[in-house]
Amino acid sequence: MPTIKQRKLVSLLPRVNWNVSKAALMAGYSPNSAKNPHILMEGTGIKEIMENYGLSEEEILREHKKVIVQDKNLPAKNTALDMVYKLKGSYAPTKSDNRSLNVKINLTGKELDFQIQEKLKELEKLNRDEK
């Protein structure tokens, strides 16, 4: 039986362009859970809801194959494929940068200016090192 969170997640999918991670966050899942949408979508409750909407694994594959073999409307083909991949959680999670910088400042005037410049140089170096 699907949980309330699972029902909410599925109901939010069309509103967030089928982005499972966004829907999961909006439904109340933790950020760690939202980073793994494929795991969320594998839950038995989610699968039950999807089947109730007529989106069983078999139906998705059948429709997916229809779209793949047609070549008359390539934009529709690409959009349909993209939606299925999003729905199924097949895309890698979106990267985000959650670094923070804590600085305690007990300086004034030129000392403060100097320390600010030093911290900016440190940040620039960190950004260069990550690339």
Protein backbone atom coordinates (compact mmCIF):
# COMPACT_ATOMS: atom_id res chain seq x y z
CA MET A 1 0.00 0.00 0.00
CA PRO A 2 1.47 3.37 -0.98
CA THR A 3 2.41 5.84 1.73
CA ILE A 4 1.16 9.42 1.84
CA LYS A 5 4.62 10.64 0.75
CA GLN A 6 4.62 8.26 -2.21
CA ARG A 7 1.17 9.43 -3.30
CA LYS A 8 2.25 13.05 -2.97
CA LEU A 9 5.48 12.42 -4.93
CA VAL A 10 3.60 10.87 -7.85
CA SER A 11 0.96 13.61 -7.85
CA LEU A 12 3.68 16.27 -8.03
CA LEU A 13 5.56 14.74 -10.97
CA PRO A 14 3.62 16.49 -13.77
CA ARG A 15 4.00 19.84 -11.99
CA VAL A 16 7.80 19.59 -11.90
CA ASN A 17 8.26 18.36 -15.48
CA TRP A 18 8.63 14.77 -14.26
CA ASN A 19 11.71 15.59 -12.17
CA VAL A 20 11.59 12.90 -9.47
CA SER A 21 14.19 14.61 -7.27
CA LYS A 22 12.22 17.88 -7.16
CA ALA A 23 8.94 16.06 -6.54
CA ALA A 24 10.54 14.03 -3.75
CA LEU A 25 11.77 17.15 -1.95
CA MET A 26 8.37 18.79 -2.31
CA ALA A 27 6.69 15.63 -1.00
CA GLY A 28 8.81 15.71 2.15
CA TYR A 29 11.59 13.26 1.36
CA SER A 30 15.07 14.05 2.68
CA PRO A 31 17.66 15.60 0.35
CA ASN A 32 19.62 12.33 0.48
CA SER A 33 16.59 10.36 -0.70
CA ALA A 34 15.90 12.93 -3.42
CA LYS A 35 19.46 12.47 -4.74
CA ASN A 36 18.59 8.85 -5.57
CA PRO A 37 15.34 9.07 -7.55
CA HIS A 38 15.79 5.63 -9.08
CA ILE A 39 15.61 4.09 -5.61
CA LEU A 40 12.43 6.01 -4.79
CA MET A 41 10.81 4.91 -8.04
CA GLU A 42 11.60 1.25 -7.34
CA GLY A 43 9.43 1.22 -4.20
CA THR A 44 6.44 -1.11 -4.31
CA GLY A 45 4.08 1.72 -3.31
CA ILE A 46 5.26 3.92 -6.19
CA LYS A 47 4.95 1.03 -8.63
CA GLU A 48 1.40 0.38 -7.41
CA ILE A 49 0.43 4.02 -7.93
CA MET A 50 2.00 4.07 -11.38
CA GLU A 51 0.13 0.93 -12.38
CA ASN A 52 -3.12 2.48 -11.14
CA TYR A 53 -2.41 5.38 -13.53
CA GLY A 54 -1.91 2.89 -16.35
CA LEU A 55 1.86 3.21 -16.26
CA SER A 56 2.91 -0.34 -15.53
CA GLU A 57 6.39 -1.43 -16.59
CA GLU A 58 4.91 -3.28 -19.54
CA GLU A 59 2.79 -0.33 -20.69
CA ILE A 60 5.74 2.07 -20.45
CA LEU A 61 7.92 -0.29 -22.48
CA ARG A 62 5.19 -0.76 -25.08
CA GLU A 63 4.73 3.01 -25.52
CA HIS A 64 8.45 3.61 -25.36
CA LYS A 65 8.97 1.19 -28.26
CA LYS A 66 6.28 2.95 -30.32
CA VAL A 67 8.00 6.28 -29.87
CA ILE A 68 11.45 4.89 -30.57
CA VAL A 69 10.54 3.31 -33.90
CA GLN A 70 8.73 6.34 -35.33
CA ASP A 71 10.77 8.94 -37.18
CA LYS A 72 8.08 11.37 -38.30
CA ASN A 73 8.18 13.60 -35.25
CA LEU A 74 11.68 13.64 -33.75
CA PRO A 75 11.02 16.44 -31.22
CA ALA A 76 8.07 14.45 -29.84
CA LYS A 77 10.23 11.34 -29.81
CA ASN A 78 12.94 13.10 -27.81
CA THR A 79 10.44 14.68 -25.42
CA ALA A 80 8.72 11.36 -24.80
CA LEU A 81 12.02 9.62 -24.15
CA ASP A 82 13.11 12.40 -21.81
CA MET A 83 9.84 12.17 -19.86
CA VAL A 84 10.13 8.41 -19.48
CA TYR A 85 13.73 8.65 -18.30
CA LYS A 86 12.77 11.34 -15.77
CA LEU A 87 9.77 9.36 -14.63
CA LYS A 88 11.83 6.25 -14.15
CA GLY A 89 14.60 8.16 -12.38
CA SER A 90 17.17 7.11 -14.98
CA TYR A 91 19.04 10.41 -15.04
CA ALA A 92 21.91 11.05 -12.66
CA PRO A 93 21.07 13.34 -9.77
CA THR A 94 21.71 17.02 -10.28
CA LYS A 95 24.95 18.26 -8.76
CA SER A 96 24.79 21.09 -6.29
CA ASP A 97 27.49 22.98 -4.45
CA ASN A 98 26.75 23.12 -0.74
CA ARG A 99 30.04 24.48 0.53
CA SER A 100 30.03 27.14 3.18
CA LEU A 101 32.64 29.49 4.51
CA ASN A 102 32.62 30.50 8.15
CA VAL A 103 34.74 33.49 9.03
CA LYS A 104 34.99 35.12 12.44
CA ILE A 105 36.09 38.71 12.02
CA ASN A 106 37.47 40.84 14.84
CA LEU A 107 39.33 43.27 12.61
CA THR A 108 38.92 46.82 11.45
CA GLY A 109 40.21 49.06 8.67
CA LYS A 110 43.23 47.87 6.69
CA GLU A 111 43.47 44.59 8.64
CA LEU A 112 39.92 43.76 7.62
CA ASP A 113 40.56 44.66 3.97
CA PHE A 114 43.69 42.50 3.97
CA GLN A 115 41.87 39.48 5.45
CA ILE A 116 39.00 39.84 3.00
CA GLN A 117 41.46 39.82 0.08
CA GLU A 118 43.21 36.74 1.52
CA LYS A 119 39.91 34.86 1.85
CA LEU A 120 38.94 35.79 -1.70
CA LYS A 121 42.27 34.42 -2.93
CA GLU A 122 41.63 31.17 -0.99
CA LEU A 123 38.19 30.85 -2.61
CA GLU A 124 39.61 31.46 -6.08
CA LYS A 125 42.27 28.80 -5.47
CA LEU A 126 39.64 26.31 -4.27
CA ASN A 127 37.55 26.95 -7.37
CA ARG A 128 40.58 26.51 -9.66
CA ASP A 129 41.61 23.29 -7.89
CA GLU A 130 38.13 21.79 -8.40
CA LYS A 131 38.25 22.36 -12.15
